[in-house]
Amino acid sequence: MTATTNLEAAANAVAEDIASDVRGVLANKDLDSVPQIKALRQRLESKLAIARELAAEKSRIATKKAREAANTANAYAHDEPWQIAGAALAVGVLVGLLLGRR
């Protein structure tokens, strides 16, 4: 879940950086006299707001799915502890044998 959070934070930071750069260009006072620039600014702001909402919703969905997966794994481990222990033992033996061959 930490990797997902880090990835989401990095994506949001890049998107905000791009938005900041575009805002900087469009905020140029020399462009205030052009009506198309004003309309472009409004469209851009509304689309950036939508993009922020979508990113936040994506983050909520990813968090929900990760939480559900963790709860499912936890429930399985509590319902079938001997199978988990047996699988861990088998993996440990296999790794030990592979390392012992070297």
C-alpha atoms as a PDB file:
ATOM      1  CA  MET A   1       0.000   0.000   0.000  1.00  0.00           C
ATOM      2  CA  THR A   2       2.938   2.315   0.590  1.00  0.00           C
ATOM      3  CA  ALA A   3       4.157   1.861  -2.988  1.00  0.00           C
ATOM      4  CA  THR A   4       0.683   2.741  -4.277  1.00  0.00           C
ATOM      5  CA  THR A   5       0.588   5.821  -2.093  1.00  0.00           C
ATOM      6  CA  ASN A   6       4.052   6.900  -3.230  1.00  0.00           C
ATOM      7  CA  LEU A   7       3.162   6.366  -6.888  1.00  0.00           C
ATOM      8  CA  GLU A   8      -0.060   8.316  -6.522  1.00  0.00           C
ATOM      9  CA  ALA A   9       1.745  11.156  -4.739  1.00  0.00           C
ATOM     10  CA  ALA A  10       4.404  11.295  -7.463  1.00  0.00           C
ATOM     11  CA  ALA A  11       1.762  11.350 -10.216  1.00  0.00           C
ATOM     12  CA  ASN A  12      -0.126  14.118  -8.435  1.00  0.00           C
ATOM     13  CA  ALA A  13       3.081  16.118  -7.990  1.00  0.00           C
ATOM     14  CA  VAL A  14       3.890  15.868 -11.705  1.00  0.00           C
ATOM     15  CA  ALA A  15       0.342  16.869 -12.665  1.00  0.00           C
ATOM     16  CA  GLU A  16       0.457  19.848 -10.305  1.00  0.00           C
ATOM     17  CA  ASP A  17       3.858  20.857 -11.680  1.00  0.00           C
ATOM     18  CA  ILE A  18       2.530  20.815 -15.246  1.00  0.00           C
ATOM     19  CA  ALA A  19      -0.567  22.730 -14.198  1.00  0.00           C
ATOM     20  CA  SER A  20       1.596  25.307 -12.461  1.00  0.00           C
ATOM     21  CA  ASP A  21       3.739  25.761 -15.575  1.00  0.00           C
ATOM     22  CA  VAL A  22       0.675  26.202 -17.794  1.00  0.00           C
ATOM     23  CA  ARG A  23      -0.884  28.642 -15.321  1.00  0.00           C
ATOM     24  CA  GLY A  24       2.357  30.619 -15.343  1.00  0.00           C
ATOM     25  CA  VAL A  25       2.285  30.943 -19.119  1.00  0.00           C
ATOM     26  CA  LEU A  26      -1.406  31.832 -19.213  1.00  0.00           C
ATOM     27  CA  ALA A  27      -1.056  34.340 -16.357  1.00  0.00           C
ATOM     28  CA  ASN A  28       1.163  36.527 -18.502  1.00  0.00           C
ATOM     29  CA  LYS A  29      -0.269  40.061 -18.326  1.00  0.00           C
ATOM     30  CA  ASP A  30       0.530  40.662 -21.997  1.00  0.00           C
ATOM     31  CA  LEU A  31      -2.090  38.047 -22.929  1.00  0.00           C
ATOM     32  CA  ASP A  32      -4.944  39.647 -20.962  1.00  0.00           C
ATOM     33  CA  SER A  33      -6.161  41.566 -24.004  1.00  0.00           C
ATOM     34  CA  VAL A  34      -6.832  38.377 -26.001  1.00  0.00           C
ATOM     35  CA  PRO A  35     -10.370  37.044 -25.343  1.00  0.00           C
ATOM     36  CA  GLN A  36      -9.433  33.557 -26.510  1.00  0.00           C
ATOM     37  CA  ILE A  37      -6.797  33.357 -23.774  1.00  0.00           C
ATOM     38  CA  LYS A  38      -9.414  34.199 -21.145  1.00  0.00           C
ATOM     39  CA  ALA A  39     -11.691  31.445 -22.477  1.00  0.00           C
ATOM     40  CA  LEU A  40      -8.728  29.060 -22.595  1.00  0.00           C
ATOM     41  CA  ARG A  41      -7.893  29.861 -18.963  1.00  0.00           C
ATOM     42  CA  GLN A  42     -11.451  29.084 -17.876  1.00  0.00           C
ATOM     43  CA  ARG A  43     -11.565  25.795 -19.795  1.00  0.00           C
ATOM     44  CA  LEU A  44      -8.163  24.820 -18.455  1.00  0.00           C
ATOM     45  CA  GLU A  45      -9.129  25.550 -14.854  1.00  0.00           C
ATOM     46  CA  SER A  46     -12.333  23.515 -15.143  1.00  0.00           C
ATOM     47  CA  LYS A  47     -10.495  20.580 -16.729  1.00  0.00           C
ATOM     48  CA  LEU A  48      -7.770  20.722 -14.088  1.00  0.00           C
ATOM     49  CA  ALA A  49     -10.448  20.590 -11.396  1.00  0.00           C
ATOM     50  CA  ILE A  50     -11.950  17.525 -13.065  1.00  0.00           C
ATOM     51  CA  ALA A  51      -8.503  15.909 -13.317  1.00  0.00           C
ATOM     52  CA  ARG A  52      -7.901  16.516  -9.606  1.00  0.00           C
ATOM     53  CA  GLU A  53     -11.246  14.938  -8.745  1.00  0.00           C
ATOM     54  CA  LEU A  54     -10.496  11.922 -10.936  1.00  0.00           C
ATOM     55  CA  ALA A  55      -7.065  11.468  -9.360  1.00  0.00           C
ATOM     56  CA  ALA A  56      -8.576  11.645  -5.886  1.00  0.00           C
ATOM     57  CA  GLU A  57     -11.253   9.102  -6.829  1.00  0.00           C
ATOM     58  CA  LYS A  58      -8.615   6.804  -8.335  1.00  0.00           C
ATOM     59  CA  SER A  59      -6.660   7.024  -5.112  1.00  0.00           C
ATOM     60  CA  ARG A  60      -9.754   6.179  -3.052  1.00  0.00           C
ATOM     61  CA  ILE A  61     -10.523   3.176  -5.261  1.00  0.00           C
ATOM     62  CA  ALA A  62      -6.945   1.884  -5.087  1.00  0.00           C
ATOM     63  CA  THR A  63      -6.951   2.276  -1.317  1.00  0.00           C
ATOM     64  CA  LYS A  64     -10.268   0.449  -1.041  1.00  0.00           C
ATOM     65  CA  LYS A  65      -9.042  -2.434  -3.229  1.00  0.00           C
ATOM     66  CA  ALA A  66      -5.793  -2.736  -1.275  1.00  0.00           C
ATOM     67  CA  ARG A  67      -7.707  -2.755   2.003  1.00  0.00           C
ATOM     68  CA  GLU A  68     -10.094  -5.431   0.681  1.00  0.00           C
ATOM     69  CA  ALA A  69      -7.153  -7.583  -0.486  1.00  0.00           C
ATOM     70  CA  ALA A  70      -5.445  -7.230   2.881  1.00  0.00           C
ATOM     71  CA  ASN A  71      -8.664  -8.140   4.714  1.00  0.00           C
ATOM     72  CA  THR A  72      -9.167 -11.178   2.480  1.00  0.00           C
ATOM     73  CA  ALA A  73      -5.588 -12.363   3.051  1.00  0.00           C
ATOM     74  CA  ASN A  74      -5.950 -11.782   6.786  1.00  0.00           C
ATOM     75  CA  ALA A  75      -9.225 -13.728   6.916  1.00  0.00           C
ATOM     76  CA  TYR A  76      -7.686 -16.612   4.955  1.00  0.00           C
ATOM     77  CA  ALA A  77      -4.661 -16.691   7.251  1.00  0.00           C
ATOM     78  CA  HIS A  78      -6.932 -16.845  10.286  1.00  0.00           C
ATOM     79  CA  ASP A  79      -9.211 -19.487   8.738  1.00  0.00           C
ATOM     80  CA  GLU A  80      -6.402 -21.712   7.406  1.00  0.00           C
ATOM     81  CA  PRO A  81      -3.315 -21.126   9.582  1.00  0.00           C
ATOM     82  CA  TRP A  82      -1.855 -24.594   9.003  1.00  0.00           C
ATOM     83  CA  GLN A  83      -1.942 -24.221   5.239  1.00  0.00           C
ATOM     84  CA  ILE A  84      -0.124 -20.906   5.529  1.00  0.00           C
ATOM     85  CA  ALA A  85       2.445 -22.426   7.878  1.00  0.00           C
ATOM     86  CA  GLY A  86       2.907 -25.431   5.559  1.00  0.00           C
ATOM     87  CA  ALA A  87       3.374 -23.228   2.519  1.00  0.00           C
ATOM     88  CA  ALA A  88       5.897 -21.052   4.386  1.00  0.00           C
ATOM     89  CA  LEU A  89       7.763 -24.188   5.485  1.00  0.00           C
ATOM     90  CA  ALA A  90       7.825 -25.523   1.910  1.00  0.00           C
ATOM     91  CA  VAL A  91       9.154 -22.235   0.550  1.00  0.00           C
ATOM     92  CA  GLY A  92      11.771 -22.113   3.314  1.00  0.00           C
ATOM     93  CA  VAL A  93      12.948 -25.657   2.565  1.00  0.00           C
ATOM     94  CA  LEU A  94      13.089 -24.933  -1.162  1.00  0.00           C
ATOM     95  CA  VAL A  95      15.120 -21.760  -0.630  1.00  0.00           C
ATOM     96  CA  GLY A  96      17.399 -23.619   1.793  1.00  0.00           C
ATOM     97  CA  LEU A  97      18.009 -26.393  -0.714  1.00  0.00           C
ATOM     98  CA  LEU A  98      18.736 -23.931  -3.510  1.00  0.00           C
ATOM     99  CA  LEU A  99      21.153 -21.956  -1.348  1.00  0.00           C
ATOM    100  CA  GLY A 100      22.771 -25.161  -0.081  1.00  0.00           C
ATOM    101  CA  ARG A 101      23.571 -26.329  -3.616  1.00  0.00           C
ATOM    102  CA  ARG A 102      25.847 -23.355  -4.189  1.00  0.00           C
END
